[in-house]
């Protein structure tokens, strides 16, 4: 089950990387609900999913378009204030004792999503 799920996940990430290499947002020229829904998954990816759920075949930071897209959405006024990474990590790493029996919460990688991005290249 794991191998099939991880294969499907990375196929989807590869597809997103391809789409985001051609346009600023997922579905059209303006942000939509689809972008916000994707963002809430992406913002957790390297900090939680790569370690906790063993989705480490490729990190989000290794997808240049997805990573810059995530920073772009994070920097939308009002979005960054909704991201509480310490809370997110505490929840995931503390909620699955069969995966993380000691409840260890990793200290990193502490990604700076407020750093510059290149998504303005798609502005018209």
PDB file of N, CA and C in Angstrom:
ATOM      1  N   UNK A   1       0.821  -1.195   0.000  1.00  0.00           N
ATOM      2  CA  UNK A   1       0.000   0.000   0.000  1.00  0.00           C
ATOM      3  C   UNK A   1       0.867   1.261   0.000  1.00  0.00           C
ATOM      4  N   UNK A   2       1.939   1.242   0.811  1.00  0.00           N
ATOM      5  CA  UNK A   2       2.821   2.412   0.888  1.00  0.00           C
ATOM      6  C   UNK A   2       3.420   2.733  -0.476  1.00  0.00           C
ATOM      7  N   UNK A   3       3.988   1.725  -1.129  1.00  0.00           N
ATOM      8  CA  UNK A   3       4.654   1.964  -2.414  1.00  0.00           C
ATOM      9  C   UNK A   3       3.698   2.537  -3.450  1.00  0.00           C
ATOM     10  N   UNK A   4       2.494   2.002  -3.507  1.00  0.00           N
ATOM     11  CA  UNK A   4       1.501   2.502  -4.470  1.00  0.00           C
ATOM     12  C   UNK A   4       1.106   3.941  -4.140  1.00  0.00           C
ATOM     13  N   UNK A   5       0.909   4.223  -2.855  1.00  0.00           N
ATOM     14  CA  UNK A   5       0.503   5.572  -2.439  1.00  0.00           C
ATOM     15  C   UNK A   5       1.611   6.591  -2.717  1.00  0.00           C
ATOM     16  N   UNK A   6       2.844   6.229  -2.415  1.00  0.00           N
ATOM     17  CA  UNK A   6       3.958   7.154  -2.644  1.00  0.00           C
ATOM     18  C   UNK A   6       4.152   7.399  -4.141  1.00  0.00           C
ATOM     19  N   UNK A   7       4.013   6.358  -4.934  1.00  0.00           N
ATOM     20  CA  UNK A   7       4.124   6.517  -6.389  1.00  0.00           C
ATOM     21  C   UNK A   7       3.066   7.486  -6.894  1.00  0.00           C
ATOM     22  N   UNK A   8       1.838   7.319  -6.434  1.00  0.00           N
ATOM     23  CA  UNK A   8       0.736   8.197  -6.849  1.00  0.00           C
ATOM     24  C   UNK A   8       0.982   9.639  -6.382  1.00  0.00           C
ATOM     25  N   UNK A   9       1.465   9.793  -5.163  1.00  0.00           N
ATOM     26  CA  UNK A   9       1.764  11.120  -4.623  1.00  0.00           C
ATOM     27  C   UNK A   9       2.797  11.839  -5.485  1.00  0.00           C
ATOM     28  N   UNK A  10       3.881  11.165  -5.791  1.00  0.00           N
ATOM     29  CA  UNK A  10       4.937  11.821  -6.564  1.00  0.00           C
ATOM     30  C   UNK A  10       4.550  12.038  -8.021  1.00  0.00           C
ATOM     31  N   UNK A  11       3.685  11.219  -8.553  1.00  0.00           N
ATOM     32  CA  UNK A  11       3.137  11.491  -9.891  1.00  0.00           C
ATOM     33  C   UNK A  11       2.331  12.789  -9.865  1.00  0.00           C
ATOM     34  N   UNK A  12       1.553  12.981  -8.795  1.00  0.00           N
ATOM     35  CA  UNK A  12       0.760  14.208  -8.659  1.00  0.00           C
ATOM     36  C   UNK A  12       1.667  15.427  -8.471  1.00  0.00           C
ATOM     37  N   UNK A  13       2.720  15.287  -7.665  1.00  0.00           N
ATOM     38  CA  UNK A  13       3.651  16.404  -7.481  1.00  0.00           C
ATOM     39  C   UNK A  13       4.367  16.738  -8.785  1.00  0.00           C
ATOM     40  N   UNK A  14       4.751  15.722  -9.538  1.00  0.00           N
ATOM     41  CA  UNK A  14       5.387  15.968 -10.840  1.00  0.00           C
ATOM     42  C   UNK A  14       4.436  16.712 -11.777  1.00  0.00           C
ATOM     43  N   UNK A  15       3.161  16.343 -11.739  1.00  0.00           N
ATOM     44  CA  UNK A  15       2.162  17.022 -12.573  1.00  0.00           C
ATOM     45  C   UNK A  15       2.008  18.483 -12.136  1.00  0.00           C
ATOM     46  N   UNK A  16       1.958  18.719 -10.826  1.00  0.00           N
ATOM     47  CA  UNK A  16       1.874  20.097 -10.324  1.00  0.00           C
ATOM     48  C   UNK A  16       3.103  20.893 -10.734  1.00  0.00           C
ATOM     49  N   UNK A  17       4.269  20.289 -10.636  1.00  0.00           N
ATOM     50  CA  UNK A  17       5.505  20.974 -11.032  1.00  0.00           C
ATOM     51  C   UNK A  17       5.438  21.390 -12.495  1.00  0.00           C
ATOM     52  N   UNK A  18       4.932  20.515 -13.322  1.00  0.00           N
ATOM     53  CA  UNK A  18       4.809  20.813 -14.751  1.00  0.00           C
ATOM     54  C   UNK A  18       3.818  21.958 -14.993  1.00  0.00           C
ATOM     55  N   UNK A  19       2.654  21.887 -14.366  1.00  0.00           N
ATOM     56  CA  UNK A  19       1.638  22.939 -14.517  1.00  0.00           C
ATOM     57  C   UNK A  19       2.197  24.281 -14.047  1.00  0.00           C
ATOM     58  N   UNK A  20       2.848  24.267 -12.885  1.00  0.00           N
ATOM     59  CA  UNK A  20       3.341  25.511 -12.292  1.00  0.00           C
ATOM     60  C   UNK A  20       4.593  26.049 -12.983  1.00  0.00           C
ATOM     61  N   UNK A  21       5.135  25.295 -13.910  1.00  0.00           N
ATOM     62  CA  UNK A  21       6.245  25.812 -14.717  1.00  0.00           C
ATOM     63  C   UNK A  21       5.739  26.729 -15.823  1.00  0.00           C
ATOM     64  N   UNK A  22       4.410  26.704 -16.057  1.00  0.00           N
ATOM     65  CA  UNK A  22       3.815  27.454 -17.165  1.00  0.00           C
ATOM     66  C   UNK A  22       2.865  28.557 -16.726  1.00  0.00           C
ATOM     67  N   UNK A  23       2.439  28.515 -15.481  1.00  0.00           N
ATOM     68  CA  UNK A  23       1.475  29.509 -14.998  1.00  0.00           C
ATOM     69  C   UNK A  23       1.670  29.732 -13.508  1.00  0.00           C
ATOM     70  N   UNK A  24       1.220  30.885 -13.039  1.00  0.00           N
ATOM     71  CA  UNK A  24       1.446  31.257 -11.642  1.00  0.00           C
ATOM     72  C   UNK A  24       0.621  30.421 -10.673  1.00  0.00           C
ATOM     73  N   UNK A  25      -0.609  30.129 -11.049  1.00  0.00           N
ATOM     74  CA  UNK A  25      -1.501  29.399 -10.148  1.00  0.00           C
ATOM     75  C   UNK A  25      -1.944  28.087 -10.777  1.00  0.00           C
ATOM     76  N   UNK A  26      -2.574  27.269  -9.993  1.00  0.00           N
ATOM     77  CA  UNK A  26      -2.900  25.912 -10.406  1.00  0.00           C
ATOM     78  C   UNK A  26      -3.903  25.839 -11.551  1.00  0.00           C
ATOM     79  N   UNK A  27      -4.974  26.625 -11.465  1.00  0.00           N
ATOM     80  CA  UNK A  27      -6.068  26.485 -12.437  1.00  0.00           C
ATOM     81  C   UNK A  27      -6.189  27.624 -13.435  1.00  0.00           C
ATOM     82  N   UNK A  28      -5.735  28.791 -13.052  1.00  0.00           N
ATOM     83  CA  UNK A  28      -5.911  29.947 -13.934  1.00  0.00           C
ATOM     84  C   UNK A  28      -4.979  31.066 -13.511  1.00  0.00           C
ATOM     85  N   UNK A  29      -5.204  32.262 -14.023  1.00  0.00           N
ATOM     86  CA  UNK A  29      -4.316  33.392 -13.749  1.00  0.00           C
ATOM     87  C   UNK A  29      -4.506  34.010 -12.365  1.00  0.00           C
ATOM     88  N   UNK A  30      -5.575  33.656 -11.690  1.00  0.00           N
ATOM     89  CA  UNK A  30      -5.832  34.190 -10.353  1.00  0.00           C
ATOM     90  C   UNK A  30      -5.902  33.035  -9.356  1.00  0.00           C
ATOM     91  N   UNK A  31      -5.608  33.351  -8.099  1.00  0.00           N
ATOM     92  CA  UNK A  31      -5.722  32.325  -7.057  1.00  0.00           C
ATOM     93  C   UNK A  31      -7.160  31.846  -6.957  1.00  0.00           C
ATOM     94  N   UNK A  32      -7.294  30.550  -6.744  1.00  0.00           N
ATOM     95  CA  UNK A  32      -8.613  29.961  -6.531  1.00  0.00           C
ATOM     96  C   UNK A  32      -8.561  29.109  -5.266  1.00  0.00           C
ATOM     97  N   UNK A  33      -9.685  28.559  -4.911  1.00  0.00           N
ATOM     98  CA  UNK A  33      -9.740  27.657  -3.763  1.00  0.00           C
ATOM     99  C   UNK A  33      -8.786  26.479  -3.951  1.00  0.00           C
ATOM    100  N   UNK A  34      -8.601  26.039  -5.177  1.00  0.00           N
ATOM    101  CA  UNK A  34      -7.679  24.926  -5.450  1.00  0.00           C
ATOM    102  C   UNK A  34      -6.260  25.261  -4.984  1.00  0.00           C
ATOM    103  N   UNK A  35      -5.844  26.504  -5.157  1.00  0.00           N
ATOM    104  CA  UNK A  35      -4.509  26.915  -4.718  1.00  0.00           C
ATOM    105  C   UNK A  35      -4.379  26.858  -3.201  1.00  0.00           C
ATOM    106  N   UNK A  36      -5.400  27.310  -2.517  1.00  0.00           N
ATOM    107  CA  UNK A  36      -5.358  27.295  -1.052  1.00  0.00           C
ATOM    108  C   UNK A  36      -5.387  25.859  -0.543  1.00  0.00           C
ATOM    109  N   UNK A  37      -6.194  25.024  -1.156  1.00  0.00           N
ATOM    110  CA  UNK A  37      -6.252  23.614  -0.748  1.00  0.00           C
ATOM    111  C   UNK A  37      -4.921  22.905  -0.979  1.00  0.00           C
ATOM    112  N   UNK A  38      -4.275  23.193  -2.092  1.00  0.00           N
ATOM    113  CA  UNK A  38      -2.961  22.605  -2.343  1.00  0.00           C
ATOM    114  C   UNK A  38      -1.933  23.156  -1.357  1.00  0.00           C
ATOM    115  N   UNK A  39      -1.995  24.446  -1.087  1.00  0.00           N
ATOM    116  CA  UNK A  39      -1.043  25.085  -0.179  1.00  0.00           C
ATOM    117  C   UNK A  39      -1.032  24.427   1.197  1.00  0.00           C
ATOM    118  N   UNK A  40      -2.198  24.131   1.752  1.00  0.00           N
ATOM    119  CA  UNK A  40      -2.229  23.578   3.112  1.00  0.00           C
ATOM    120  C   UNK A  40      -1.562  22.210   3.184  1.00  0.00           C
ATOM    121  N   UNK A  41      -1.497  21.513   2.075  1.00  0.00           N
ATOM    122  CA  UNK A  41      -0.737  20.262   2.023  1.00  0.00           C
ATOM    123  C   UNK A  41       0.748  20.555   1.825  1.00  0.00           C
ATOM    124  N   UNK A  42       1.058  21.414   0.882  1.00  0.00           N
ATOM    125  CA  UNK A  42       2.458  21.697   0.563  1.00  0.00           C
ATOM    126  C   UNK A  42       3.219  22.294   1.739  1.00  0.00           C
ATOM    127  N   UNK A  43       2.583  23.166   2.503  1.00  0.00           N
ATOM    128  CA  UNK A  43       3.265  23.835   3.611  1.00  0.00           C
ATOM    129  C   UNK A  43       3.702  22.821   4.677  1.00  0.00           C
ATOM    130  N   UNK A  44       3.051  21.679   4.727  1.00  0.00           N
ATOM    131  CA  UNK A  44       3.374  20.631   5.691  1.00  0.00           C
ATOM    132  C   UNK A  44       4.370  19.605   5.141  1.00  0.00           C
ATOM    133  N   UNK A  45       4.638  19.650   3.860  1.00  0.00           N
ATOM    134  CA  UNK A  45       5.324  18.538   3.210  1.00  0.00           C
ATOM    135  C   UNK A  45       6.719  18.261   3.770  1.00  0.00           C
ATOM    136  N   UNK A  46       7.642  19.208   3.647  1.00  0.00           N
ATOM    137  CA  UNK A  46       9.010  18.955   4.103  1.00  0.00           C
ATOM    138  C   UNK A  46       9.104  18.868   5.620  1.00  0.00           C
ATOM    139  N   UNK A  47       8.286  19.655   6.307  1.00  0.00           N
ATOM    140  CA  UNK A  47       8.345  19.695   7.775  1.00  0.00           C
ATOM    141  C   UNK A  47       7.727  18.460   8.433  1.00  0.00           C
ATOM    142  N   UNK A  48       6.725  17.861   7.794  1.00  0.00           N
ATOM    143  CA  UNK A  48       6.020  16.735   8.414  1.00  0.00           C
ATOM    144  C   UNK A  48       5.993  15.503   7.518  1.00  0.00           C
ATOM    145  N   UNK A  49       5.415  15.617   6.359  1.00  0.00           N
ATOM    146  CA  UNK A  49       5.150  14.435   5.539  1.00  0.00           C
ATOM    147  C   UNK A  49       6.416  13.687   5.146  1.00  0.00           C
ATOM    148  N   UNK A  50       7.489  14.408   4.826  1.00  0.00           N
ATOM    149  CA  UNK A  50       8.726  13.755   4.395  1.00  0.00           C
ATOM    150  C   UNK A  50       9.284  12.839   5.483  1.00  0.00           C
ATOM    151  N   UNK A  51       9.175  13.258   6.727  1.00  0.00           N
ATOM    152  CA  UNK A  51       9.708  12.470   7.843  1.00  0.00           C
ATOM    153  C   UNK A  51       8.646  11.537   8.412  1.00  0.00           C
ATOM    154  N   UNK A  52       7.555  12.097   8.840  1.00  0.00           N
ATOM    155  CA  UNK A  52       6.540  11.343   9.576  1.00  0.00           C
ATOM    156  C   UNK A  52       5.863  10.266   8.729  1.00  0.00           C
ATOM    157  N   UNK A  53       5.540  10.604   7.500  1.00  0.00           N
ATOM    158  CA  UNK A  53       4.847   9.650   6.627  1.00  0.00           C
ATOM    159  C   UNK A  53       5.782   9.012   5.597  1.00  0.00           C
ATOM    160  N   UNK A  54       7.085   9.252   5.770  1.00  0.00           N
ATOM    161  CA  UNK A  54       8.115   8.623   4.917  1.00  0.00           C
ATOM    162  C   UNK A  54       7.955   8.977   3.445  1.00  0.00           C
ATOM    163  N   UNK A  55       7.544  10.202   3.188  1.00  0.00           N
ATOM    164  CA  UNK A  55       7.400  10.703   1.810  1.00  0.00           C
ATOM    165  C   UNK A  55       8.645  11.520   1.472  1.00  0.00           C
ATOM    166  N   UNK A  56       9.777  10.833   1.420  1.00  0.00           N
ATOM    167  CA  UNK A  56      11.050  11.532   1.269  1.00  0.00           C
ATOM    168  C   UNK A  56      11.779  11.205  -0.032  1.00  0.00           C
ATOM    169  N   UNK A  57      11.059  10.678  -0.992  1.00  0.00           N
ATOM    170  CA  UNK A  57      11.663  10.385  -2.298  1.00  0.00           C
ATOM    171  C   UNK A  57      12.250  11.656  -2.906  1.00  0.00           C
ATOM    172  N   UNK A  58      11.541  12.738  -2.715  1.00  0.00           N
ATOM    173  CA  UNK A  58      11.973  14.048  -3.189  1.00  0.00           C
ATOM    174  C   UNK A  58      11.322  15.079  -2.277  1.00  0.00           C
ATOM    175  N   UNK A  59      12.088  16.047  -1.818  1.00  0.00           N
ATOM    176  CA  UNK A  59      11.541  17.093  -0.961  1.00  0.00           C
ATOM    177  C   UNK A  59      10.896  18.181  -1.804  1.00  0.00           C
ATOM    178  N   UNK A  60       9.976  18.886  -1.192  1.00  0.00           N
ATOM    179  CA  UNK A  60       9.309  19.994  -1.875  1.00  0.00           C
ATOM    180  C   UNK A  60      10.332  21.004  -2.394  1.00  0.00           C
ATOM    181  N   UNK A  61      11.372  21.238  -1.609  1.00  0.00           N
ATOM    182  CA  UNK A  61      12.415  22.193  -1.991  1.00  0.00           C
ATOM    183  C   UNK A  61      13.156  21.773  -3.260  1.00  0.00           C
ATOM    184  N   UNK A  62      13.000  20.524  -3.661  1.00  0.00           N
ATOM    185  CA  UNK A  62      13.652  20.038  -4.883  1.00  0.00           C
ATOM    186  C   UNK A  62      12.783  20.245  -6.128  1.00  0.00           C
ATOM    187  N   UNK A  63      11.581  20.741  -5.925  1.00  0.00           N
ATOM    188  CA  UNK A  63      10.683  21.109  -7.024  1.00  0.00           C
ATOM    189  C   UNK A  63      10.689  22.634  -7.112  1.00  0.00           C
ATOM    190  N   UNK A  64      11.480  23.231  -7.987  1.00  0.00           N
ATOM    191  CA  UNK A  64      11.593  24.698  -7.971  1.00  0.00           C
ATOM    192  C   UNK A  64      10.275  25.441  -8.160  1.00  0.00           C
ATOM    193  N   UNK A  65       9.417  24.974  -9.035  1.00  0.00           N
ATOM    194  CA  UNK A  65       8.150  25.684  -9.270  1.00  0.00           C
ATOM    195  C   UNK A  65       7.184  25.512  -8.106  1.00  0.00           C
ATOM    196  N   UNK A  66       7.086  24.317  -7.576  1.00  0.00           N
ATOM    197  CA  UNK A  66       6.194  24.087  -6.428  1.00  0.00           C
ATOM    198  C   UNK A  66       6.695  24.852  -5.205  1.00  0.00           C
ATOM    199  N   UNK A  67       7.993  24.834  -4.977  1.00  0.00           N
ATOM    200  CA  UNK A  67       8.540  25.512  -3.803  1.00  0.00           C
ATOM    201  C   UNK A  67       8.314  27.022  -3.885  1.00  0.00           C
ATOM    202  N   UNK A  68       8.585  27.616  -5.038  1.00  0.00           N
ATOM    203  CA  UNK A  68       8.339  29.053  -5.203  1.00  0.00           C
ATOM    204  C   UNK A  68       6.854  29.382  -5.122  1.00  0.00           C
ATOM    205  N   UNK A  69       6.021  28.519  -5.649  1.00  0.00           N
ATOM    206  CA  UNK A  69       4.557  28.668  -5.564  1.00  0.00           C
ATOM    207  C   UNK A  69       4.116  28.663  -4.099  1.00  0.00           C
ATOM    208  N   UNK A  70       4.661  27.744  -3.312  1.00  0.00           N
ATOM    209  CA  UNK A  70       4.307  27.667  -1.890  1.00  0.00           C
ATOM    210  C   UNK A  70       4.696  28.955  -1.180  1.00  0.00           C
ATOM    211  N   UNK A  71       5.879  29.477  -1.481  1.00  0.00           N
ATOM    212  CA  UNK A  71       6.302  30.749  -0.883  1.00  0.00           C
ATOM    213  C   UNK A  71       5.395  31.891  -1.336  1.00  0.00           C
ATOM    214  N   UNK A  72       5.003  31.877  -2.595  1.00  0.00           N
ATOM    215  CA  UNK A  72       4.107  32.905  -3.139  1.00  0.00           C
ATOM    216  C   UNK A  72       2.783  32.923  -2.374  1.00  0.00           C
ATOM    217  N   UNK A  73       2.173  31.769  -2.201  1.00  0.00           N
ATOM    218  CA  UNK A  73       0.891  31.695  -1.482  1.00  0.00           C
ATOM    219  C   UNK A  73       1.089  32.082  -0.018  1.00  0.00           C
ATOM    220  N   UNK A  74       2.157  31.616   0.601  1.00  0.00           N
ATOM    221  CA  UNK A  74       2.451  31.944   2.000  1.00  0.00           C
ATOM    222  C   UNK A  74       2.522  33.455   2.205  1.00  0.00           C
ATOM    223  N   UNK A  75       3.025  34.171   1.204  1.00  0.00           N
ATOM    224  CA  UNK A  75       3.227  35.613   1.319  1.00  0.00           C
ATOM    225  C   UNK A  75       1.998  36.447   0.969  1.00  0.00           C
ATOM    226  N   UNK A  76       0.910  35.808   0.606  1.00  0.00           N
ATOM    227  CA  UNK A  76      -0.347  36.536   0.388  1.00  0.00           C
ATOM    228  C   UNK A  76      -0.771  37.125   1.736  1.00  0.00           C
ATOM    229  N   UNK A  77      -1.120  38.408   1.786  1.00  0.00           N
ATOM    230  CA  UNK A  77      -1.531  38.997   3.062  1.00  0.00           C
ATOM    231  C   UNK A  77      -2.606  38.153   3.757  1.00  0.00           C
ATOM    232  N   UNK A  78      -2.348  37.855   5.026  1.00  0.00           N
ATOM    233  CA  UNK A  78      -3.293  37.087   5.824  1.00  0.00           C
ATOM    234  C   UNK A  78      -3.035  35.594   5.855  1.00  0.00           C
ATOM    235  N   UNK A  79      -2.231  35.083   4.950  1.00  0.00           N
ATOM    236  CA  UNK A  79      -1.992  33.632   4.912  1.00  0.00           C
ATOM    237  C   UNK A  79      -0.949  33.208   5.942  1.00  0.00           C
ATOM    238  N   UNK A  80       0.186  33.887   5.973  1.00  0.00           N
ATOM    239  CA  UNK A  80       1.265  33.454   6.871  1.00  0.00           C
ATOM    240  C   UNK A  80       0.823  33.421   8.330  1.00  0.00           C
ATOM    241  N   UNK A  81      -0.073  34.309   8.700  1.00  0.00           N
ATOM    242  CA  UNK A  81      -0.531  34.345  10.098  1.00  0.00           C
ATOM    243  C   UNK A  81      -1.394  33.139  10.459  1.00  0.00           C
ATOM    244  N   UNK A  82      -1.801  32.365   9.463  1.00  0.00           N
ATOM    245  CA  UNK A  82      -2.602  31.157   9.732  1.00  0.00           C
ATOM    246  C   UNK A  82      -1.738  29.907   9.826  1.00  0.00           C
ATOM    247  N   UNK A  83      -0.458  30.039   9.525  1.00  0.00           N
ATOM    248  CA  UNK A  83       0.453  28.889   9.538  1.00  0.00           C
ATOM    249  C   UNK A  83       1.225  28.890  10.854  1.00  0.00           C
ATOM    250  N   UNK A  84       0.937  27.937  11.693  1.00  0.00           N
ATOM    251  CA  UNK A  84       1.607  27.793  12.985  1.00  0.00           C
ATOM    252  C   UNK A  84       2.345  26.458  12.957  1.00  0.00           C
ATOM    253  N   UNK A  85       3.573  26.488  12.426  1.00  0.00           N
ATOM    254  CA  UNK A  85       4.300  25.249  12.181  1.00  0.00           C
ATOM    255  C   UNK A  85       4.540  24.452  13.456  1.00  0.00           C
ATOM    256  N   UNK A  86       4.810  25.112  14.557  1.00  0.00           N
ATOM    257  CA  UNK A  86       5.020  24.379  15.811  1.00  0.00           C
ATOM    258  C   UNK A  86       3.765  23.589  16.175  1.00  0.00           C
ATOM    259  N   UNK A  87       2.608  24.182  16.004  1.00  0.00           N
ATOM    260  CA  UNK A  87       1.343  23.493  16.282  1.00  0.00           C
ATOM    261  C   UNK A  87       1.124  22.340  15.299  1.00  0.00           C
ATOM    262  N   UNK A  88       1.396  22.584  14.028  1.00  0.00           N
ATOM    263  CA  UNK A  88       1.228  21.549  13.006  1.00  0.00           C
ATOM    264  C   UNK A  88       2.106  20.351  13.338  1.00  0.00           C
ATOM    265  N   UNK A  89       3.375  20.614  13.647  1.00  0.00           N
ATOM    266  CA  UNK A  89       4.304  19.524  13.952  1.00  0.00           C
ATOM    267  C   UNK A  89       3.905  18.799  15.236  1.00  0.00           C
ATOM    268  N   UNK A  90       3.503  19.546  16.244  1.00  0.00           N
ATOM    269  CA  UNK A  90       3.079  18.922  17.504  1.00  0.00           C
ATOM    270  C   UNK A  90       1.890  18.001  17.260  1.00  0.00           C
ATOM    271  N   UNK A  91       0.944  18.455  16.446  1.00  0.00           N
ATOM    272  CA  UNK A  91      -0.235  17.637  16.145  1.00  0.00           C
ATOM    273  C   UNK A  91       0.155  16.342  15.442  1.00  0.00           C
ATOM    274  N   UNK A  92       0.849  16.454  14.321  1.00  0.00           N
ATOM    275  CA  UNK A  92       1.164  15.254  13.540  1.00  0.00           C
ATOM    276  C   UNK A  92       2.072  14.296  14.297  1.00  0.00           C
ATOM    277  N   UNK A  93       3.168  14.805  14.827  1.00  0.00           N
ATOM    278  CA  UNK A  93       4.134  13.932  15.489  1.00  0.00           C
ATOM    279  C   UNK A  93       3.614  13.389  16.820  1.00  0.00           C
ATOM    280  N   UNK A  94       2.600  14.047  17.384  1.00  0.00           N
ATOM    281  CA  UNK A  94       2.042  13.577  18.646  1.00  0.00           C
ATOM    282  C   UNK A  94       0.772  12.767  18.524  1.00  0.00           C
ATOM    283  N   UNK A  95       0.195  12.702  17.331  1.00  0.00           N
ATOM    284  CA  UNK A  95      -1.118  12.064  17.152  1.00  0.00           C
ATOM    285  C   UNK A  95      -1.074  10.631  16.642  1.00  0.00           C
ATOM    286  N   UNK A  96       0.098  10.154  16.308  1.00  0.00           N
ATOM    287  CA  UNK A  96       0.192   8.819  15.710  1.00  0.00           C
ATOM    288  C   UNK A  96       1.233   7.976  16.451  1.00  0.00           C
ATOM    289  N   UNK A  97       0.874   7.457  17.622  1.00  0.00           N
ATOM    290  CA  UNK A  97       1.859   6.715  18.417  1.00  0.00           C
ATOM    291  C   UNK A  97       2.392   5.451  17.734  1.00  0.00           C
ATOM    292  N   UNK A  98       1.644   4.898  16.795  1.00  0.00           N
ATOM    293  CA  UNK A  98       2.170   3.722  16.102  1.00  0.00           C
ATOM    294  C   UNK A  98       3.278   4.111  15.120  1.00  0.00           C
ATOM    295  N   UNK A  99       3.253   5.345  14.644  1.00  0.00           N
ATOM    296  CA  UNK A  99       4.289   5.832  13.725  1.00  0.00           C
ATOM    297  C   UNK A  99       5.444   6.460  14.506  1.00  0.00           C
ATOM    298  N   UNK A 100       5.118   7.160  15.585  1.00  0.00           N
ATOM    299  CA  UNK A 100       6.105   7.907  16.367  1.00  0.00           C
ATOM    300  C   UNK A 100       5.874   7.619  17.852  1.00  0.00           C
ATOM    301  N   UNK A 101       6.234   6.409  18.312  1.00  0.00           N
ATOM    302  CA  UNK A 101       5.886   5.986  19.672  1.00  0.00           C
ATOM    303  C   UNK A 101       6.461   6.855  20.790  1.00  0.00           C
ATOM    304  N   UNK A 102       7.559   7.544  20.547  1.00  0.00           N
ATOM    305  CA  UNK A 102       8.149   8.384  21.585  1.00  0.00           C
ATOM    306  C   UNK A 102       7.697   9.841  21.496  1.00  0.00           C
ATOM    307  N   UNK A 103       6.897  10.156  20.481  1.00  0.00           N
ATOM    308  CA  UNK A 103       6.373  11.511  20.335  1.00  0.00           C
ATOM    309  C   UNK A 103       7.435  12.561  20.068  1.00  0.00           C
ATOM    310  N   UNK A 104       8.529  12.156  19.461  1.00  0.00           N
ATOM    311  CA  UNK A 104       9.618  13.095  19.169  1.00  0.00           C
ATOM    312  C   UNK A 104       9.184  14.049  18.054  1.00  0.00           C
ATOM    313  N   UNK A 105       9.376  15.338  18.311  1.00  0.00           N
ATOM    314  CA  UNK A 105       9.051  16.371  17.325  1.00  0.00           C
ATOM    315  C   UNK A 105      10.370  16.908  16.777  1.00  0.00           C
ATOM    316  N   UNK A 106      10.656  16.687  15.493  1.00  0.00           N
ATOM    317  CA  UNK A 106      11.917  17.164  14.916  1.00  0.00           C
ATOM    318  C   UNK A 106      12.077  18.678  15.063  1.00  0.00           C
ATOM    319  N   UNK A 107      13.301  19.108  15.249  1.00  0.00           N
ATOM    320  CA  UNK A 107      13.582  20.533  15.414  1.00  0.00           C
ATOM    321  C   UNK A 107      13.611  21.284  14.087  1.00  0.00           C
ATOM    322  N   UNK A 108      13.783  20.611  13.005  1.00  0.00           N
ATOM    323  CA  UNK A 108      13.913  21.284  11.713  1.00  0.00           C
ATOM    324  C   UNK A 108      12.936  20.730  10.717  1.00  0.00           C
ATOM    325  N   UNK A 109      13.028  21.155   9.496  1.00  0.00           N
ATOM    326  CA  UNK A 109      14.080  21.972   8.900  1.00  0.00           C
ATOM    327  C   UNK A 109      13.855  23.486   9.001  1.00  0.00           C
ATOM    328  N   UNK A 110      12.723  23.939   9.485  1.00  0.00           N
ATOM    329  CA  UNK A 110      12.466  25.378   9.685  1.00  0.00           C
ATOM    330  C   UNK A 110      12.688  26.197   8.414  1.00  0.00           C
ATOM    331  N   UNK A 111      11.899  25.925   7.434  1.00  0.00           N
ATOM    332  CA  UNK A 111      12.007  26.563   6.121  1.00  0.00           C
ATOM    333  C   UNK A 111      11.466  27.990   6.173  1.00  0.00           C
ATOM    334  N   UNK A 112      12.178  28.899   5.545  1.00  0.00           N
ATOM    335  CA  UNK A 112      11.757  30.302   5.491  1.00  0.00           C
ATOM    336  C   UNK A 112      10.901  30.525   4.245  1.00  0.00           C
ATOM    337  N   UNK A 113       9.605  30.447   4.420  1.00  0.00           N
ATOM    338  CA  UNK A 113       8.682  30.653   3.301  1.00  0.00           C
ATOM    339  C   UNK A 113       8.476  32.135   2.989  1.00  0.00           C
ATOM    340  N   UNK A 114       9.066  33.003   3.798  1.00  0.00           N
ATOM    341  CA  UNK A 114       8.944  34.437   3.528  1.00  0.00           C
ATOM    342  C   UNK A 114      10.082  34.940   2.633  1.00  0.00           C
ATOM    343  N   UNK A 115      10.990  34.056   2.259  1.00  0.00           N
ATOM    344  CA  UNK A 115      12.078  34.463   1.358  1.00  0.00           C
ATOM    345  C   UNK A 115      11.531  34.690  -0.050  1.00  0.00           C
ATOM    346  N   UNK A 116      12.312  35.371  -0.862  1.00  0.00           N
ATOM    347  CA  UNK A 116      11.829  35.754  -2.191  1.00  0.00           C
ATOM    348  C   UNK A 116      11.484  34.538  -3.051  1.00  0.00           C
ATOM    349  N   UNK A 117      10.559  34.750  -3.964  1.00  0.00           N
ATOM    350  CA  UNK A 117      10.127  33.716  -4.907  1.00  0.00           C
ATOM    351  C   UNK A 117      10.151  34.302  -6.308  1.00  0.00           C
ATOM    352  N   UNK A 118       9.976  33.441  -7.298  1.00  0.00           N
ATOM    353  CA  UNK A 118      10.057  33.891  -8.691  1.00  0.00           C
ATOM    354  C   UNK A 118       8.712  33.894  -9.423  1.00  0.00           C
ATOM    355  N   UNK A 119       7.624  33.788  -8.696  1.00  0.00           N
ATOM    356  CA  UNK A 119       6.315  33.632  -9.334  1.00  0.00           C
ATOM    357  C   UNK A 119       5.841  34.903 -10.040  1.00  0.00           C
ATOM    358  N   UNK A 120       6.462  36.033  -9.752  1.00  0.00           N
ATOM    359  CA  UNK A 120       6.091  37.287 -10.430  1.00  0.00           C
ATOM    360  C   UNK A 120       6.380  37.223 -11.925  1.00  0.00           C
ATOM    361  N   UNK A 121       7.197  36.269 -12.335  1.00  0.00           N
ATOM    362  CA  UNK A 121       7.523  36.140 -13.768  1.00  0.00           C
ATOM    363  C   UNK A 121       6.286  35.859 -14.613  1.00  0.00           C
ATOM    364  N   UNK A 122       5.199  35.407 -13.962  1.00  0.00           N
ATOM    365  CA  UNK A 122       3.959  35.121 -14.688  1.00  0.00           C
ATOM    366  C   UNK A 122       2.979  36.287 -14.670  1.00  0.00           C
ATOM    367  N   UNK A 123       3.335  37.372 -13.983  1.00  0.00           N
ATOM    368  CA  UNK A 123       2.446  38.537 -13.926  1.00  0.00           C
ATOM    369  C   UNK A 123       2.317  39.154 -15.309  1.00  0.00           C
ATOM    370  N   UNK A 124       1.103  39.603 -15.597  1.00  0.00           N
ATOM    371  CA  UNK A 124       0.840  40.208 -16.913  1.00  0.00           C
ATOM    372  C   UNK A 124       0.790  41.701 -16.816  1.00  0.00           C
TER     373      UNK A 124
END
